[in-house]
C-alpha atoms as a PDB file:
ATOM      1  CA  UNK A   1      68.056 182.876-158.613  1.00  0.00           C
ATOM      2  CA  UNK A   2      70.294 185.932-159.047  1.00  0.00           C
ATOM      3  CA  UNK A   3      69.822 188.807-156.654  1.00  0.00           C
ATOM      4  CA  UNK A   4      71.164 192.318-157.207  1.00  0.00           C
ATOM      5  CA  UNK A   5      72.465 194.196-154.162  1.00  0.00           C
ATOM      6  CA  UNK A   6      71.009 197.657-153.846  1.00  0.00           C
ATOM      7  CA  UNK A   7      73.032 200.315-152.048  1.00  0.00           C
ATOM      8  CA  UNK A   8      70.310 202.161-150.179  1.00  0.00           C
ATOM      9  CA  UNK A   9      71.064 205.567-148.594  1.00  0.00           C
ATOM     10  CA  UNK A  10      70.857 204.060-145.099  1.00  0.00           C
ATOM     11  CA  UNK A  11      73.288 201.240-145.942  1.00  0.00           C
ATOM     12  CA  UNK A  12      75.700 203.648-147.616  1.00  0.00           C
ATOM     13  CA  UNK A  13      75.707 205.844-144.507  1.00  0.00           C
ATOM     14  CA  UNK A  14      76.490 202.879-142.272  1.00  0.00           C
ATOM     15  CA  UNK A  15      79.454 201.941-144.462  1.00  0.00           C
ATOM     16  CA  UNK A  16      80.781 205.528-144.472  1.00  0.00           C
ATOM     17  CA  UNK A  17      80.500 205.813-140.690  1.00  0.00           C
ATOM     18  CA  UNK A  18      82.344 202.531-140.250  1.00  0.00           C
ATOM     19  CA  UNK A  19      85.139 203.654-142.584  1.00  0.00           C
ATOM     20  CA  UNK A  20      85.528 206.952-140.691  1.00  0.00           C
ATOM     21  CA  UNK A  21      85.701 205.150-137.351  1.00  0.00           C
ATOM     22  CA  UNK A  22      88.288 202.674-138.594  1.00  0.00           C
ATOM     23  CA  UNK A  23      90.437 205.442-140.098  1.00  0.00           C
ATOM     24  CA  UNK A  24      90.433 207.342-136.786  1.00  0.00           C
ATOM     25  CA  UNK A  25      91.307 204.287-134.709  1.00  0.00           C
ATOM     26  CA  UNK A  26      94.263 203.540-137.008  1.00  0.00           C
ATOM     27  CA  UNK A  27      95.964 206.752-135.837  1.00  0.00           C
ATOM     28  CA  UNK A  28      97.315 207.567-132.363  1.00  0.00           C
ATOM     29  CA  UNK A  29      95.050 209.582-130.078  1.00  0.00           C
ATOM     30  CA  UNK A  30      96.990 212.687-129.030  1.00  0.00           C
ATOM     31  CA  UNK A  31      94.468 214.947-127.294  1.00  0.00           C
ATOM     32  CA  UNK A  32      91.032 216.562-127.387  1.00  0.00           C
ATOM     33  CA  UNK A  33      89.253 219.679-128.584  1.00  0.00           C
ATOM     34  CA  UNK A  34      88.652 221.773-125.468  1.00  0.00           C
ATOM     35  CA  UNK A  35      86.256 224.101-127.301  1.00  0.00           C
ATOM     36  CA  UNK A  36      84.920 224.571-130.815  1.00  0.00           C
ATOM     37  CA  UNK A  37      83.170 227.506-132.409  1.00  0.00           C
ATOM     38  CA  UNK A  38      81.394 226.191-135.484  1.00  0.00           C
ATOM     39  CA  UNK A  39      82.487 225.151-137.822  1.00  0.00           C
ATOM     40  CA  UNK A  40      85.609 222.962-137.602  1.00  0.00           C
ATOM     41  CA  UNK A  41      86.313 219.578-139.146  1.00  0.00           C
ATOM     42  CA  UNK A  42      88.882 216.865-138.569  1.00  0.00           C
ATOM     43  CA  UNK A  43      90.142 214.800-141.511  1.00  0.00           C
ATOM     44  CA  UNK A  44      92.021 211.516-141.106  1.00  0.00           C
ATOM     45  CA  UNK A  45      92.758 209.698-144.353  1.00  0.00           C
ATOM     46  CA  UNK A  46      89.545 209.510-146.370  1.00  0.00           C
ATOM     47  CA  UNK A  47      87.344 210.030-143.301  1.00  0.00           C
ATOM     48  CA  UNK A  48      86.145 213.306-141.797  1.00  0.00           C
ATOM     49  CA  UNK A  49      83.964 214.476-138.947  1.00  0.00           C
ATOM     50  CA  UNK A  50      82.665 217.703-137.470  1.00  0.00           C
ATOM     51  CA  UNK A  51      84.530 218.551-134.272  1.00  0.00           C
ATOM     52  CA  UNK A  52      82.856 219.580-131.029  1.00  0.00           C
ATOM     53  CA  UNK A  53      84.045 220.160-127.458  1.00  0.00           C
ATOM     54  CA  UNK A  54      85.466 216.874-126.194  1.00  0.00           C
ATOM     55  CA  UNK A  55      86.162 215.394-129.633  1.00  0.00           C
ATOM     56  CA  UNK A  56      89.355 213.358-129.725  1.00  0.00           C
ATOM     57  CA  UNK A  57      92.138 214.416-132.097  1.00  0.00           C
ATOM     58  CA  UNK A  58      94.698 212.105-133.657  1.00  0.00           C
ATOM     59  CA  UNK A  59      98.190 212.126-135.108  1.00  0.00           C
ATOM     60  CA  UNK A  60      98.168 212.736-138.861  1.00  0.00           C
ATOM     61  CA  UNK A  61      94.817 214.544-138.616  1.00  0.00           C
ATOM     62  CA  UNK A  62      94.120 217.756-140.501  1.00  0.00           C
ATOM     63  CA  UNK A  63      91.976 220.312-138.666  1.00  0.00           C
ATOM     64  CA  UNK A  64      90.167 222.898-140.799  1.00  0.00           C
ATOM     65  CA  UNK A  65      87.943 225.760-139.709  1.00  0.00           C
ATOM     66  CA  UNK A  66      85.294 227.696-141.612  1.00  0.00           C
ATOM     67  CA  UNK A  67      84.869 231.449-141.969  1.00  0.00           C
ATOM     68  CA  UNK A  68      83.594 231.778-138.386  1.00  0.00           C
ATOM     69  CA  UNK A  69      85.288 228.673-137.013  1.00  0.00           C
ATOM     70  CA  UNK A  70      87.769 228.428-134.156  1.00  0.00           C
ATOM     71  CA  UNK A  71      89.232 225.282-132.584  1.00  0.00           C
ATOM     72  CA  UNK A  72      91.053 225.100-129.253  1.00  0.00           C
ATOM     73  CA  UNK A  73      93.054 221.867-128.983  1.00  0.00           C
ATOM     74  CA  UNK A  74      94.933 220.475-125.978  1.00  0.00           C
ATOM     75  CA  UNK A  75      97.393 217.612-126.370  1.00  0.00           C
ATOM     76  CA  UNK A  76      98.474 214.932-123.909  1.00  0.00           C
ATOM     77  CA  UNK A  77     101.490 216.957-122.766  1.00  0.00           C
ATOM     78  CA  UNK A  78      99.307 220.064-122.177  1.00  0.00           C
ATOM     79  CA  UNK A  79     100.478 221.740-125.375  1.00  0.00           C
ATOM     80  CA  UNK A  80      97.701 224.098-126.491  1.00  0.00           C
ATOM     81  CA  UNK A  81      96.917 225.083-130.072  1.00  0.00           C
ATOM     82  CA  UNK A  82      94.242 227.567-131.098  1.00  0.00           C
ATOM     83  CA  UNK A  83      93.249 227.399-134.772  1.00  0.00           C
ATOM     84  CA  UNK A  84      91.666 230.608-136.053  1.00  0.00           C
ATOM     85  CA  UNK A  85      88.962 231.127-138.714  1.00  0.00           C
ATOM     86  CA  UNK A  86      89.582 229.849-142.253  1.00  0.00           C
ATOM     87  CA  UNK A  87      92.726 228.100-141.061  1.00  0.00           C
ATOM     88  CA  UNK A  88      94.269 224.674-141.563  1.00  0.00           C
ATOM     89  CA  UNK A  89      96.828 222.641-139.610  1.00  0.00           C
ATOM     90  CA  UNK A  90      98.172 219.104-139.938  1.00  0.00           C
ATOM     91  CA  UNK A  91      98.821 217.404-136.588  1.00  0.00           C
ATOM     92  CA  UNK A  92     101.751 215.681-138.211  1.00  0.00           C
ATOM     93  CA  UNK A  93     103.446 213.766-135.387  1.00  0.00           C
ATOM     94  CA  UNK A  94     103.110 213.417-131.620  1.00  0.00           C
ATOM     95  CA  UNK A  95     105.224 211.267-129.305  1.00  0.00           C
ATOM     96  CA  UNK A  96     104.509 211.596-125.577  1.00  0.00           C
ATOM     97  CA  UNK A  97     107.585 210.987-123.438  1.00  0.00           C
ATOM     98  CA  UNK A  98     106.942 212.893-120.175  1.00  0.00           C
ATOM     99  CA  UNK A  99     110.198 211.896-118.470  1.00  0.00           C
ATOM    100  CA  UNK A 100     112.611 211.402-121.365  1.00  0.00           C
ATOM    101  CA  UNK A 101     114.098 212.938-124.514  1.00  0.00           C
ATOM    102  CA  UNK A 102     112.048 211.046-127.088  1.00  0.00           C
ATOM    103  CA  UNK A 103     108.996 213.330-127.098  1.00  0.00           C
ATOM    104  CA  UNK A 104     107.975 214.975-130.350  1.00  0.00           C
ATOM    105  CA  UNK A 105     105.336 217.521-131.369  1.00  0.00           C
ATOM    106  CA  UNK A 106     105.307 218.312-135.093  1.00  0.00           C
ATOM    107  CA  UNK A 107     102.670 220.624-136.574  1.00  0.00           C
ATOM    108  CA  UNK A 108     102.265 221.852-140.148  1.00  0.00           C
ATOM    109  CA  UNK A 109     100.561 225.274-140.198  1.00  0.00           C
ATOM    110  CA  UNK A 110      99.219 225.486-143.733  1.00  0.00           C
ATOM    111  CA  UNK A 111      97.346 228.784-143.750  1.00  0.00           C
ATOM    112  CA  UNK A 112      96.007 231.666-141.657  1.00  0.00           C
ATOM    113  CA  UNK A 113      96.152 232.192-137.873  1.00  0.00           C
ATOM    114  CA  UNK A 114      97.310 230.125-134.886  1.00  0.00           C
ATOM    115  CA  UNK A 115      98.236 230.498-131.210  1.00  0.00           C
ATOM    116  CA  UNK A 116     100.677 227.948-129.778  1.00  0.00           C
ATOM    117  CA  UNK A 117     101.475 227.328-126.089  1.00  0.00           C
ATOM    118  CA  UNK A 118     104.193 224.819-125.231  1.00  0.00           C
ATOM    119  CA  UNK A 119     103.394 221.884-122.950  1.00  0.00           C
ATOM    120  CA  UNK A 120     105.286 219.913-120.324  1.00  0.00           C
ATOM    121  CA  UNK A 121     107.663 218.021-122.609  1.00  0.00           C
ATOM    122  CA  UNK A 122     111.162 219.194-123.518  1.00  0.00           C
ATOM    123  CA  UNK A 123     110.517 222.305-125.595  1.00  0.00           C
ATOM    124  CA  UNK A 124     113.153 221.237-128.097  1.00  0.00           C
ATOM    125  CA  UNK A 125     110.707 218.495-129.082  1.00  0.00           C
ATOM    126  CA  UNK A 126     108.345 221.027-130.675  1.00  0.00           C
ATOM    127  CA  UNK A 127     108.580 221.735-134.405  1.00  0.00           C
ATOM    128  CA  UNK A 128     106.014 224.125-135.854  1.00  0.00           C
ATOM    129  CA  UNK A 129     106.414 224.271-139.620  1.00  0.00           C
ATOM    130  CA  UNK A 130     104.934 226.672-142.172  1.00  0.00           C
ATOM    131  CA  UNK A 131     105.315 226.821-145.969  1.00  0.00           C
ATOM    132  CA  UNK A 132     107.901 229.574-145.440  1.00  0.00           C
ATOM    133  CA  UNK A 133     110.025 228.217-142.584  1.00  0.00           C
ATOM    134  CA  UNK A 134     110.072 226.506-139.191  1.00  0.00           C
ATOM    135  CA  UNK A 135     109.287 227.887-135.728  1.00  0.00           C
ATOM    136  CA  UNK A 136     111.178 226.788-132.613  1.00  0.00           C
ATOM    137  CA  UNK A 137     109.939 227.618-129.114  1.00  0.00           C
ATOM    138  CA  UNK A 138     111.322 227.584-125.566  1.00  0.00           C
ATOM    139  CA  UNK A 139     108.593 227.551-122.931  1.00  0.00           C
ATOM    140  CA  UNK A 140     106.626 230.093-124.833  1.00  0.00           C
ATOM    141  CA  UNK A 141     103.309 231.409-126.113  1.00  0.00           C
ATOM    142  CA  UNK A 142     103.466 232.547-129.726  1.00  0.00           C
ATOM    143  CA  UNK A 143     101.065 233.746-132.395  1.00  0.00           C
ATOM    144  CA  UNK A 144     101.613 232.849-136.037  1.00  0.00           C
ATOM    145  CA  UNK A 145      99.848 234.188-139.130  1.00  0.00           C
ATOM    146  CA  UNK A 146     100.553 232.401-142.423  1.00  0.00           C
ATOM    147  CA  UNK A 147      99.578 234.036-145.702  1.00  0.00           C
ATOM    148  CA  UNK A 148      97.555 231.935-148.123  1.00  0.00           C
ATOM    149  CA  UNK A 149      98.322 234.106-151.158  1.00  0.00           C
ATOM    150  CA  UNK A 150      99.505 232.051-154.115  1.00  0.00           C
ATOM    151  CA  UNK A 151     101.562 234.853-155.662  1.00  0.00           C
ATOM    152  CA  UNK A 152     102.658 237.371-152.997  1.00  0.00           C
ATOM    153  CA  UNK A 153     104.935 240.273-153.844  1.00  0.00           C
ATOM    154  CA  UNK A 154     108.635 239.524-153.165  1.00  0.00           C
ATOM    155  CA  UNK A 155     108.669 242.035-150.279  1.00  0.00           C
ATOM    156  CA  UNK A 156     105.279 240.978-148.864  1.00  0.00           C
ATOM    157  CA  UNK A 157     105.126 239.409-145.397  1.00  0.00           C
ATOM    158  CA  UNK A 158     104.106 235.761-145.807  1.00  0.00           C
ATOM    159  CA  UNK A 159     104.649 234.548-142.227  1.00  0.00           C
ATOM    160  CA  UNK A 160     104.341 236.766-139.184  1.00  0.00           C
ATOM    161  CA  UNK A 161     105.262 235.668-135.645  1.00  0.00           C
ATOM    162  CA  UNK A 162     104.617 237.414-132.319  1.00  0.00           C
ATOM    163  CA  UNK A 163     106.185 236.374-129.012  1.00  0.00           C
ATOM    164  CA  UNK A 164     103.338 236.784-126.530  1.00  0.00           C
ATOM    165  CA  UNK A 165     105.287 235.655-123.470  1.00  0.00           C
ATOM    166  CA  UNK A 166     107.927 233.185-122.374  1.00  0.00           C
ATOM    167  CA  UNK A 167     111.602 232.363-122.786  1.00  0.00           C
ATOM    168  CA  UNK A 168     111.783 233.062-126.489  1.00  0.00           C
ATOM    169  CA  UNK A 169     111.294 231.693-129.965  1.00  0.00           C
ATOM    170  CA  UNK A 170     113.117 231.432-133.261  1.00  0.00           C
ATOM    171  CA  UNK A 171     112.118 231.170-136.898  1.00  0.00           C
ATOM    172  CA  UNK A 172     114.358 229.534-139.480  1.00  0.00           C
ATOM    173  CA  UNK A 173     113.866 230.457-143.134  1.00  0.00           C
ATOM    174  CA  UNK A 174     116.256 229.926-146.020  1.00  0.00           C
ATOM    175  CA  UNK A 175     118.868 228.472-143.679  1.00  0.00           C
ATOM    176  CA  UNK A 176     118.907 231.577-141.455  1.00  0.00           C
ATOM    177  CA  UNK A 177     117.689 231.611-137.850  1.00  0.00           C
ATOM    178  CA  UNK A 178     115.875 234.706-136.589  1.00  0.00           C
ATOM    179  CA  UNK A 179     115.341 234.961-132.826  1.00  0.00           C
ATOM    180  CA  UNK A 180     112.591 236.586-130.805  1.00  0.00           C
ATOM    181  CA  UNK A 181     113.638 237.306-127.219  1.00  0.00           C
ATOM    182  CA  UNK A 182     111.370 240.084-125.933  1.00  0.00           C
ATOM    183  CA  UNK A 183     107.692 240.039-125.032  1.00  0.00           C
ATOM    184  CA  UNK A 184     105.499 241.502-127.836  1.00  0.00           C
ATOM    185  CA  UNK A 185     108.362 241.301-130.331  1.00  0.00           C
ATOM    186  CA  UNK A 186     107.219 240.487-133.872  1.00  0.00           C
ATOM    187  CA  UNK A 187     108.959 239.047-136.891  1.00  0.00           C
ATOM    188  CA  UNK A 188     107.858 239.201-140.511  1.00  0.00           C
ATOM    189  CA  UNK A 189     109.345 236.886-143.133  1.00  0.00           C
ATOM    190  CA  UNK A 190     108.862 238.220-146.677  1.00  0.00           C
ATOM    191  CA  UNK A 191     108.390 236.044-149.741  1.00  0.00           C
ATOM    192  CA  UNK A 192     111.983 236.808-150.743  1.00  0.00           C
ATOM    193  CA  UNK A 193     113.260 235.638-147.335  1.00  0.00           C
ATOM    194  CA  UNK A 194     113.894 239.086-145.867  1.00  0.00           C
ATOM    195  CA  UNK A 195     113.271 239.304-142.094  1.00  0.00           C
ATOM    196  CA  UNK A 196     111.856 242.436-140.461  1.00  0.00           C
ATOM    197  CA  UNK A 197     111.461 242.931-136.702  1.00  0.00           C
ATOM    198  CA  UNK A 198     108.823 245.031-134.971  1.00  0.00           C
ATOM    199  CA  UNK A 199     106.685 245.188-131.844  1.00  0.00           C
ATOM    200  CA  UNK A 200     102.990 244.818-131.117  1.00  0.00           C
ATOM    201  CA  UNK A 201     101.318 244.949-127.716  1.00  0.00           C
ATOM    202  CA  UNK A 202      98.104 243.563-129.217  1.00  0.00           C
ATOM    203  CA  UNK A 203      97.298 240.289-130.910  1.00  0.00           C
ATOM    204  CA  UNK A 204      98.168 239.867-134.591  1.00  0.00           C
ATOM    205  CA  UNK A 205      95.642 237.057-135.094  1.00  0.00           C
ATOM    206  CA  UNK A 206      92.558 238.994-136.143  1.00  0.00           C
ATOM    207  CA  UNK A 207      90.322 237.038-133.763  1.00  0.00           C
ATOM    208  CA  UNK A 208      89.800 236.986-130.015  1.00  0.00           C
ATOM    209  CA  UNK A 209      91.468 234.257-127.985  1.00  0.00           C
ATOM    210  CA  UNK A 210      89.297 233.026-125.120  1.00  0.00           C
ATOM    211  CA  UNK A 211      90.557 233.460-121.561  1.00  0.00           C
ATOM    212  CA  UNK A 212      92.525 230.483-120.313  1.00  0.00           C
ATOM    213  CA  UNK A 213      90.260 227.894-118.698  1.00  0.00           C
ATOM    214  CA  UNK A 214      91.020 224.345-117.511  1.00  0.00           C
ATOM    215  CA  UNK A 215      90.491 222.112-120.574  1.00  0.00           C
ATOM    216  CA  UNK A 216      88.949 218.635-120.389  1.00  0.00           C
ATOM    217  CA  UNK A 217      91.614 216.118-119.440  1.00  0.00           C
ATOM    218  CA  UNK A 218      93.120 214.484-122.541  1.00  0.00           C
ATOM    219  CA  UNK A 219      94.269 211.618-120.336  1.00  0.00           C
ATOM    220  CA  UNK A 220      90.756 210.249-120.041  1.00  0.00           C
ATOM    221  CA  UNK A 221      89.991 211.022-116.365  1.00  0.00           C
ATOM    222  CA  UNK A 222      86.442 211.984-115.471  1.00  0.00           C
ATOM    223  CA  UNK A 223      85.979 215.687-114.643  1.00  0.00           C
ATOM    224  CA  UNK A 224      83.852 216.777-111.685  1.00  0.00           C
ATOM    225  CA  UNK A 225      80.095 216.917-112.363  1.00  0.00           C
ATOM    226  CA  UNK A 226      79.068 220.030-114.253  1.00  0.00           C
ATOM    227  CA  UNK A 227      82.631 220.961-115.314  1.00  0.00           C
ATOM    228  CA  UNK A 228      83.202 218.648-118.261  1.00  0.00           C
ATOM    229  CA  UNK A 229      82.580 219.329-121.943  1.00  0.00           C
ATOM    230  CA  UNK A 230      79.035 219.203-123.321  1.00  0.00           C
ATOM    231  CA  UNK A 231      77.641 215.945-124.615  1.00  0.00           C
ATOM    232  CA  UNK A 232      79.136 215.148-128.016  1.00  0.00           C
ATOM    233  CA  UNK A 233      76.349 214.890-130.618  1.00  0.00           C
ATOM    234  CA  UNK A 234      76.379 211.918-132.999  1.00  0.00           C
ATOM    235  CA  UNK A 235      78.154 212.355-136.319  1.00  0.00           C
ATOM    236  CA  UNK A 236      75.596 212.719-139.100  1.00  0.00           C
ATOM    237  CA  UNK A 237      77.369 212.884-142.482  1.00  0.00           C
ATOM    238  CA  UNK A 238      74.219 211.658-144.203  1.00  0.00           C
ATOM    239  CA  UNK A 239      72.683 215.106-144.090  1.00  0.00           C
ATOM    240  CA  UNK A 240      74.918 216.265-146.933  1.00  0.00           C
ATOM    241  CA  UNK A 241      76.420 213.072-148.325  1.00  0.00           C
ATOM    242  CA  UNK A 242      73.712 210.466-148.301  1.00  0.00           C
ATOM    243  CA  UNK A 243      70.462 212.168-149.227  1.00  0.00           C
ATOM    244  CA  UNK A 244      67.723 210.364-151.162  1.00  0.00           C
END
């Protein structure tokens, strides 16, 4: 007797959850989300999940935030990345080599606002790329705002960088390196490649960065009672993807 297999909503959800889990495990775990203001999502391959405080993040994962979203990420080498509202970043590559020269942190800032703080690895290992050039840092905190306009004016600023503190930073665009050496110094790269320097004693991000607090350990150690991240709720993609 022939039997037809019916894909019920519950069965379909189980399959989708399994595929998401497998996709995540196929990539290297590189850190955690120390805090999330809804909403923010992580996408690895064909799988996606809503991020919350304590969620693991992986190499080759894209993190996207909504209109009110903000994601604070901490990597294994203590590199910190804050992703502002309506922003997108690809965690392209991460190699943790705490005592050697093989470490690598490669990020692709696709659009909008970010705050980057270098970690414990050799700072030359960090490569922060945008559609308009590449940022290099040296023991530094920087803010970066990337325009998402499809057709900016030739003289319009498409990437803006501010050196918040630290040893300095540089931005390479069109084969030219532009250096930031002073606290609060800003750099604007126009669509035509022109570089303009300025100064700003206030943030250029357009959103408030939370005060620095000890993040949950990305190394997997157990924090003292009452100091760890909140319980991570189960992922429930069926609410929007697997309805009756």
